[in-house]
Protein backbone atom coordinates (compact mmCIF):
# COMPACT_ATOMS: atom_id res chain seq x y z
CA UNK A 1 51.17 46.53 -120.01
CA UNK A 2 50.72 46.46 -116.38
CA UNK A 3 54.41 46.69 -115.55
CA UNK A 4 57.21 49.13 -116.13
CA UNK A 5 59.75 50.98 -114.91
CA UNK A 6 59.68 54.37 -112.71
CA UNK A 7 62.06 56.80 -111.70
CA UNK A 8 62.67 57.66 -107.66
CA UNK A 9 64.38 60.67 -106.37
CA UNK A 10 67.35 58.82 -106.13
CA UNK A 11 68.33 58.37 -109.60
CA UNK A 12 67.39 54.94 -109.81
CA UNK A 13 64.61 53.28 -111.55
CA UNK A 14 62.39 50.67 -110.13
CA UNK A 15 59.66 47.69 -111.20
CA UNK A 16 56.09 49.03 -110.81
CA UNK A 17 53.02 46.64 -111.52
CA UNK A 18 49.63 48.00 -111.37
CA UNK A 19 47.21 46.83 -109.40
CA UNK A 20 43.71 45.50 -110.35
CA UNK A 21 41.09 48.68 -111.15
CA UNK A 22 38.51 49.65 -108.66
CA UNK A 23 35.35 49.88 -109.95
CA UNK A 24 33.72 52.99 -108.45
CA UNK A 25 29.89 53.79 -107.74
CA UNK A 26 28.36 56.43 -109.86
CA UNK A 27 26.26 59.02 -107.98
CA UNK A 28 24.66 61.41 -109.89
CA UNK A 29 22.91 63.69 -107.32
CA UNK A 30 24.60 66.06 -105.16
CA UNK A 31 26.56 65.19 -102.10
CA UNK A 32 23.74 66.30 -99.29
CA UNK A 33 25.80 65.24 -95.90
CA UNK A 34 28.38 68.44 -96.77
CA UNK A 35 28.35 70.80 -99.35
CA UNK A 36 31.42 69.76 -101.88
CA UNK A 37 32.88 71.58 -104.56
CA UNK A 38 35.81 70.10 -106.88
CA UNK A 39 38.17 73.05 -108.31
CA UNK A 40 38.34 71.82 -112.18
CA UNK A 41 41.03 72.13 -114.20
CA UNK A 42 41.15 72.98 -118.13
CA UNK A 43 42.12 71.26 -120.83
CA UNK A 44 44.35 72.77 -123.10
CA UNK A 45 43.62 72.54 -127.28
CA UNK A 46 46.15 70.58 -128.23
CA UNK A 47 46.36 71.62 -132.03
CA UNK A 48 46.67 75.64 -130.71
CA UNK A 49 49.48 77.79 -129.81
CA UNK A 50 48.54 77.77 -126.15
CA UNK A 51 52.81 78.60 -125.36
CA UNK A 52 53.73 81.04 -122.02
CA UNK A 53 51.87 84.86 -122.82
CA UNK A 54 49.62 83.77 -125.72
CA UNK A 55 45.58 83.32 -125.53
CA UNK A 56 44.44 80.48 -123.91
CA UNK A 57 42.74 77.69 -126.47
CA UNK A 58 40.68 74.79 -124.69
CA UNK A 59 39.80 71.62 -126.01
CA UNK A 60 36.44 72.15 -125.07
CA UNK A 61 34.49 68.88 -125.29
CA UNK A 62 37.59 67.44 -123.41
CA UNK A 63 37.31 70.18 -120.77
CA UNK A 64 33.53 69.98 -120.11
CA UNK A 65 33.59 66.18 -120.33
CA UNK A 66 35.45 66.81 -117.00
CA UNK A 67 33.21 68.70 -116.07
CA UNK A 68 30.36 66.10 -116.06
CA UNK A 69 32.76 63.19 -114.76
CA UNK A 70 32.83 65.24 -111.70
CA UNK A 71 28.79 66.13 -111.41
CA UNK A 72 28.53 62.46 -112.05
CA UNK A 73 30.21 61.59 -108.48
CA UNK A 74 27.92 63.98 -106.61
CA UNK A 75 30.44 67.39 -106.92
CA UNK A 76 29.73 70.59 -107.67
CA UNK A 77 32.06 72.39 -110.16
CA UNK A 78 34.04 75.77 -108.63
CA UNK A 79 34.96 77.41 -111.81
CA UNK A 80 37.41 79.18 -113.27
CA UNK A 81 39.00 79.30 -110.23
CA UNK A 82 43.34 78.99 -109.23
CA UNK A 83 43.05 75.53 -110.08
CA UNK A 84 42.17 76.79 -113.90
CA UNK A 85 44.94 78.21 -114.46
CA UNK A 86 43.59 82.08 -113.57
CA UNK A 87 47.03 84.18 -113.04
CA UNK A 88 48.68 81.65 -114.63
CA UNK A 89 47.86 80.97 -117.95
CA UNK A 90 43.89 81.27 -118.21
CA UNK A 91 43.33 85.08 -119.46
CA UNK A 92 39.45 86.70 -118.51
CA UNK A 93 38.58 86.39 -122.43
CA UNK A 94 38.52 82.53 -121.86
CA UNK A 95 37.37 82.30 -118.30
CA UNK A 96 33.94 83.73 -119.00
CA UNK A 97 33.43 81.68 -121.75
CA UNK A 98 34.46 78.87 -119.62
CA UNK A 99 32.25 80.45 -117.07
CA UNK A 100 29.04 80.63 -119.79
CA UNK A 101 29.38 76.54 -120.84
CA UNK A 102 30.10 75.69 -117.51
CA UNK A 103 27.21 76.67 -116.33
CA UNK A 104 24.76 75.53 -118.84
CA UNK A 105 26.47 71.76 -118.46
CA UNK A 106 25.23 72.13 -114.60
CA UNK A 107 21.64 73.64 -115.36
CA UNK A 108 21.50 70.19 -117.69
CA UNK A 109 22.83 67.86 -115.00
CA UNK A 110 21.12 69.67 -112.47
CA UNK A 111 24.32 70.44 -110.69
CA UNK A 112 25.70 73.08 -108.56
CA UNK A 113 28.35 75.42 -109.83
CA UNK A 114 30.15 79.05 -108.52
CA UNK A 115 32.57 80.85 -110.10
CA UNK A 116 35.02 83.09 -109.54
CA UNK A 117 35.12 86.79 -109.74
CA UNK A 118 38.41 88.43 -109.56
CA UNK A 119 40.20 91.83 -111.25
CA UNK A 120 42.88 89.40 -113.58
CA UNK A 121 40.93 91.02 -116.39
CA UNK A 122 42.12 94.90 -115.35
CA UNK A 123 45.67 94.64 -114.84
CA UNK A 124 46.20 98.20 -114.67
CA UNK A 125 43.96 99.15 -111.66
CA UNK A 126 45.93 100.76 -109.02
CA UNK A 127 43.40 102.59 -107.52
CA UNK A 128 40.47 101.33 -104.38
CA UNK A 129 37.65 102.83 -106.77
CA UNK A 130 39.36 100.75 -110.07
CA UNK A 131 39.49 97.68 -108.13
CA UNK A 132 35.93 97.65 -107.11
CA UNK A 133 34.70 98.40 -110.69
CA UNK A 134 36.89 95.44 -111.86
CA UNK A 135 34.93 93.36 -109.47
CA UNK A 136 31.92 94.47 -110.29
CA UNK A 137 32.29 93.72 -113.62
CA UNK A 138 33.38 89.71 -113.46
CA UNK A 139 30.41 89.57 -110.64
CA UNK A 140 27.90 90.86 -113.12
CA UNK A 141 29.50 88.08 -115.72
CA UNK A 142 28.86 85.45 -113.35
CA UNK A 143 25.84 86.12 -112.50
CA UNK A 144 24.85 87.07 -115.89
CA UNK A 145 25.90 83.06 -116.42
CA UNK A 146 23.63 81.82 -113.73
CA UNK A 147 26.27 80.54 -111.38
CA UNK A 148 26.92 81.47 -107.50
CA UNK A 149 29.74 84.06 -107.04
CA UNK A 150 33.25 83.08 -105.30
CA UNK A 151 34.78 86.49 -104.71
CA UNK A 152 38.78 85.40 -105.55
CA UNK A 153 41.19 87.17 -103.84
CA UNK A 154 42.78 89.91 -105.88
CA UNK A 155 46.13 91.46 -106.58
CA UNK A 156 45.21 94.47 -107.58
CA UNK A 157 43.56 95.03 -104.38
CA UNK A 158 46.95 93.42 -102.59
CA UNK A 159 48.74 96.09 -104.23
CA UNK A 160 46.63 98.87 -103.92
CA UNK A 161 44.88 98.47 -100.60
CA UNK A 162 47.19 100.26 -97.71
CA UNK A 163 45.21 99.33 -94.69
CA UNK A 164 42.85 96.96 -93.69
CA UNK A 165 40.15 99.33 -93.74
CA UNK A 166 40.40 99.50 -97.51
CA UNK A 167 39.95 95.75 -98.09
CA UNK A 168 36.55 96.55 -95.86
CA UNK A 169 35.55 99.45 -98.10
CA UNK A 170 36.00 97.52 -101.18
CA UNK A 171 34.42 94.04 -100.50
CA UNK A 172 31.17 96.11 -98.87
CA UNK A 173 30.78 97.30 -102.28
CA UNK A 174 31.18 94.07 -103.87
CA UNK A 175 29.23 91.98 -101.49
CA UNK A 176 26.22 94.90 -102.16
CA UNK A 177 26.30 94.21 -105.65
CA UNK A 178 25.95 90.05 -105.39
CA UNK A 179 22.14 89.01 -105.97
CA UNK A 180 22.25 85.73 -103.80
CA UNK A 181 24.92 85.08 -101.18
CA UNK A 182 28.63 84.57 -102.42
CA UNK A 183 31.87 82.69 -101.19
CA UNK A 184 34.52 84.54 -99.93
CA UNK A 185 38.01 83.33 -101.31
CA UNK A 186 41.12 83.49 -98.98
CA UNK A 187 44.10 81.92 -100.98
CA UNK A 188 47.24 81.87 -98.66
CA UNK A 189 50.61 83.28 -100.43
CA UNK A 190 51.92 79.85 -101.57
CA UNK A 191 49.08 79.11 -103.67
CA UNK A 192 50.03 83.29 -105.02
CA UNK A 193 52.89 84.91 -103.50
CA UNK A 194 51.56 88.43 -105.01
CA UNK A 195 48.64 87.85 -102.68
CA UNK A 196 51.21 88.05 -99.74
CA UNK A 197 49.41 90.59 -96.47
CA UNK A 198 46.10 90.14 -97.89
CA UNK A 199 43.51 91.32 -95.34
CA UNK A 200 46.05 94.31 -94.48
CA UNK A 201 48.55 92.44 -92.72
CA UNK A 202 51.29 89.35 -92.53
CA UNK A 203 50.24 88.16 -89.37
CA UNK A 204 47.63 85.54 -90.01
CA UNK A 205 45.76 86.27 -86.37
CA UNK A 206 45.69 90.05 -87.30
CA UNK A 207 44.95 89.16 -91.13
CA UNK A 208 42.22 86.62 -89.60
CA UNK A 209 40.34 89.66 -87.36
CA UNK A 210 40.08 91.65 -89.83
CA UNK A 211 38.57 88.98 -92.13
CA UNK A 212 35.85 88.01 -89.53
CA UNK A 213 35.08 91.41 -89.34
CA UNK A 214 33.87 91.23 -92.29
CA UNK A 215 31.55 87.90 -92.33
CA UNK A 216 30.00 89.77 -89.59
CA UNK A 217 29.38 92.58 -91.05
CA UNK A 218 27.92 91.36 -93.89
CA UNK A 219 27.02 87.52 -92.85
CA UNK A 220 23.44 87.58 -95.08
CA UNK A 221 25.28 88.00 -98.18
CA UNK A 222 28.24 85.19 -97.47
CA UNK A 223 27.09 81.52 -98.36
CA UNK A 224 30.44 80.72 -97.13
CA UNK A 225 34.25 81.23 -97.27
CA UNK A 226 37.03 79.36 -98.73
CA UNK A 227 40.48 79.63 -96.66
CA UNK A 228 43.36 77.81 -98.25
CA UNK A 229 46.30 78.48 -95.68
CA UNK A 230 46.44 74.81 -95.76
CA UNK A 231 46.35 75.57 -91.38
CA UNK A 232 44.21 72.89 -89.79
CA UNK A 233 44.42 74.35 -86.57
CA UNK A 234 43.37 77.61 -87.86
CA UNK A 235 40.24 76.49 -89.79
CA UNK A 236 38.99 74.66 -86.13
CA UNK A 237 39.20 78.36 -84.60
CA UNK A 238 38.09 80.16 -87.68
CA UNK A 239 34.94 78.45 -88.76
CA UNK A 240 34.09 78.19 -84.77
CA UNK A 241 33.95 81.93 -84.98
CA UNK A 242 32.53 82.39 -88.04
CA UNK A 243 28.20 83.50 -87.97
CA UNK A 244 26.12 81.39 -87.84
CA UNK A 245 24.40 80.28 -91.53
CA UNK A 246 28.00 80.78 -92.77
CA UNK A 247 29.64 77.44 -94.29
CA UNK A 248 33.69 77.00 -93.98
CA UNK A 249 34.47 75.75 -97.69
CA UNK A 250 37.96 73.94 -96.58
CA UNK A 251 40.55 74.62 -99.14
CA UNK A 252 43.20 72.88 -96.99
CA UNK A 253 44.59 69.84 -99.50
CA UNK A 254 46.85 68.92 -96.61
CA UNK A 255 43.84 67.59 -93.94
CA UNK A 256 40.63 67.82 -95.13
CA UNK A 257 39.11 64.11 -94.50
CA UNK A 258 39.62 65.74 -90.58
CA UNK A 259 38.36 68.61 -91.36
CA UNK A 260 34.93 67.52 -92.92
CA UNK A 261 34.67 65.05 -90.69
CA UNK A 262 34.53 67.41 -88.21
CA UNK A 263 34.63 67.02 -84.73
CA UNK A 264 31.23 66.83 -83.56
CA UNK A 265 30.19 70.33 -83.00
CA UNK A 266 31.60 71.94 -86.28
CA UNK A 267 32.97 70.62 -89.58
CA UNK A 268 33.98 71.99 -92.56
CA UNK A 269 32.34 71.65 -96.11
CA UNK A 270 34.35 71.54 -99.20
CA UNK A 271 35.98 73.45 -102.18
CA UNK A 272 39.08 71.68 -103.16
CA UNK A 273 41.40 71.80 -106.17
CA UNK A 274 42.07 67.71 -104.64
CA UNK A 275 38.49 66.46 -105.25
CA UNK A 276 39.01 67.23 -109.42
CA UNK A 277 42.02 64.42 -108.63
CA UNK A 278 40.02 61.97 -105.93
CA UNK A 279 36.83 62.51 -107.21
CA UNK A 280 35.19 59.05 -107.27
CA UNK A 281 36.87 58.16 -104.20
CA UNK A 282 36.17 61.05 -101.83
CA UNK A 283 32.52 60.80 -103.15
CA UNK A 284 32.34 56.93 -102.34
CA UNK A 285 33.33 58.62 -98.64
CA UNK A 286 30.77 60.89 -98.67
CA UNK A 287 28.15 58.55 -99.23
CA UNK A 288 29.66 56.82 -96.49
CA UNK A 289 29.38 59.59 -94.02
CA UNK A 290 25.75 60.26 -95.24
CA UNK A 291 24.94 56.57 -93.77
CA UNK A 292 26.58 57.02 -90.95
CA UNK A 293 29.63 55.20 -91.46
CA UNK A 294 32.60 56.49 -90.45
CA UNK A 295 35.19 53.87 -90.22
CA UNK A 296 34.18 53.67 -94.45
CA UNK A 297 34.57 57.54 -95.00
CA UNK A 298 37.84 57.00 -92.68
CA UNK A 299 39.08 54.76 -94.75
CA UNK A 300 38.11 55.82 -98.31
CA UNK A 301 39.66 59.66 -97.30
CA UNK A 302 42.33 58.18 -96.02
CA UNK A 303 43.61 56.53 -99.84
CA UNK A 304 43.66 59.96 -101.35
CA UNK A 305 45.34 61.28 -98.53
CA UNK A 306 48.96 60.67 -99.70
CA UNK A 307 48.13 61.49 -103.20
CA UNK A 308 46.72 65.08 -102.75
CA UNK A 309 50.11 65.91 -100.42
CA UNK A 310 52.06 65.30 -103.35
CA UNK A 311 49.91 66.95 -106.04
CA UNK A 312 50.15 69.86 -103.61
CA UNK A 313 53.84 69.95 -102.24
CA UNK A 314 55.99 72.71 -102.56
CA UNK A 315 56.09 75.47 -104.86
CA UNK A 316 52.05 74.93 -103.98
CA UNK A 317 51.22 76.66 -107.21
CA UNK A 318 52.18 74.35 -109.48
CA UNK A 319 49.66 71.75 -108.23
CA UNK A 320 47.27 72.09 -111.19
CA UNK A 321 50.22 70.29 -113.26
CA UNK A 322 49.77 67.05 -111.15
CA UNK A 323 46.36 67.49 -111.56
CA UNK A 324 45.87 67.76 -115.16
CA UNK A 325 48.79 65.04 -115.49
CA UNK A 326 46.17 62.69 -113.46
CA UNK A 327 43.19 63.77 -115.57
CA UNK A 328 45.00 61.85 -118.69
CA UNK A 329 46.16 59.24 -116.78
CA UNK A 330 43.19 57.98 -116.21
CA UNK A 331 41.92 59.12 -119.84
CA UNK A 332 39.99 62.48 -119.23
CA UNK A 333 41.92 64.14 -121.89
CA UNK A 334 44.09 62.68 -125.26
CA UNK A 335 47.14 65.24 -124.51
CA UNK A 336 49.16 66.50 -121.41
CA UNK A 337 49.80 69.98 -122.57
CA UNK A 338 48.62 72.75 -120.34
CA UNK A 339 47.52 76.59 -121.26
CA UNK A 340 50.91 78.47 -120.59
CA UNK A 341 52.82 75.82 -121.13
CA UNK A 342 52.68 74.58 -117.69
CA UNK A 343 52.82 71.32 -118.38
CA UNK A 344 57.08 71.41 -117.75
CA UNK A 345 56.37 72.79 -114.28
CA UNK A 346 56.86 69.18 -112.65
CA UNK A 347 60.24 66.63 -112.83
CA UNK A 348 59.37 63.77 -114.14
CA UNK A 349 60.15 61.82 -110.94
CA UNK A 350 57.31 63.87 -109.17
CA UNK A 351 54.65 63.01 -111.79
CA UNK A 352 56.10 59.07 -111.40
CA UNK A 353 55.21 59.68 -107.60
CA UNK A 354 52.09 60.40 -108.56
CA UNK A 355 51.42 56.95 -110.82
CA UNK A 356 52.13 55.17 -107.85
CA UNK A 357 49.69 57.14 -105.35
CA UNK A 358 46.85 57.27 -107.64
CA UNK A 359 47.50 53.56 -108.61
CA UNK A 360 47.42 53.04 -104.65
CA UNK A 361 44.09 54.80 -104.84
CA UNK A 362 42.37 52.79 -107.48
CA UNK A 363 42.59 56.11 -109.41
CA UNK A 364 43.43 54.70 -113.05
CA UNK A 365 40.55 53.24 -114.72
CA UNK A 366 42.31 51.51 -117.33
CA UNK A 367 46.15 50.32 -116.11
CA UNK A 368 46.91 49.61 -119.41
CA UNK A 369 46.37 52.80 -120.94
CA UNK A 370 47.70 54.40 -118.12
CA UNK A 371 51.01 52.29 -118.11
CA UNK A 372 51.13 52.79 -121.74
CA UNK A 373 50.87 56.51 -121.20
CA UNK A 374 53.55 57.20 -118.46
CA UNK A 375 55.96 54.80 -120.26
CA UNK A 376 55.34 57.34 -123.41
CA UNK A 377 55.90 60.56 -120.93
CA UNK A 378 59.16 59.17 -119.62
CA UNK A 379 60.45 58.13 -122.98
CA UNK A 380 60.13 61.11 -124.37
CA UNK A 381 61.84 62.89 -121.04
CA UNK A 382 64.70 60.35 -121.54
CA UNK A 383 64.24 58.15 -118.52
CA UNK A 384 63.94 55.22 -120.10
CA UNK A 385 65.04 54.27 -123.66
């Protein structure tokens, strides 16, 4: 079966015939032209109770196999991040086990791995000291697993901090405890509304000034910064102002091709949830860029952009549903269930559009399987008979 009916936003059904599958060239060695991480999702155990509020239970075989898929295309893995449903269904006990297992896989494959250290295991942390202690606990866990630390933005810190100086003081203590340079993660409120006003101000230029003050004061302890504000102009300005040797890992899932390509003076590296969905195509683009073939880089990346922008459409924090759905369509997991029941967070119309765009980008390796699964999903949802 290669043809099916797909719903449109206007309430109609439209015939769709899948294109021919594309064969992507593996790239088992890490990319060198840019440092790239794909923020990977997790696969729920279909035989476990992963309903909202329950502890996360994962299909470990499928979850780890997906990381090997990313490694096979030269991607590092950013583990236990918001893509893996931190603060949206993935509890810290499961996240800590995920970090340990994924780090073992990365060592076996000679791949890079970095993992999120936050404060989500301590929702009752209300003072700056308690928030700092919570951060230090997770930093220790990530380091013990052998992964690079990504210092995640903290909901507890956003609630406890009264001034920009509070952020600087807490982060100074966390950075002092890091054994190796870390990645700082500035996650915008479009990804998590509870992070509004991070760095002490809702005015982005003011918050940026505080962020840069931290980076300059502790440059030797910072490998890079990941900024997820979906503002390409802000990212260009910020990366030009960073201390020498501190990378800008783009988190802009709307504009990453141009930011990674660079402007001839500066470029961004990448730590992207989008790369979990488009890894083969992004890998082909990066391989071309490494060879100096910018035309092929532009073409390969451009083919992924409409898909990524649709995955991350508002409400942006539900993008994880699209990432898991695409993995299911591509055959990387047996089911579409998610921890916390998050598979219900996007409509059938939205997911059908992802199907169209993934097909156009050559990212459905087995069109027959993808069409069968899409049809089954639409039947379950009452879209087709």
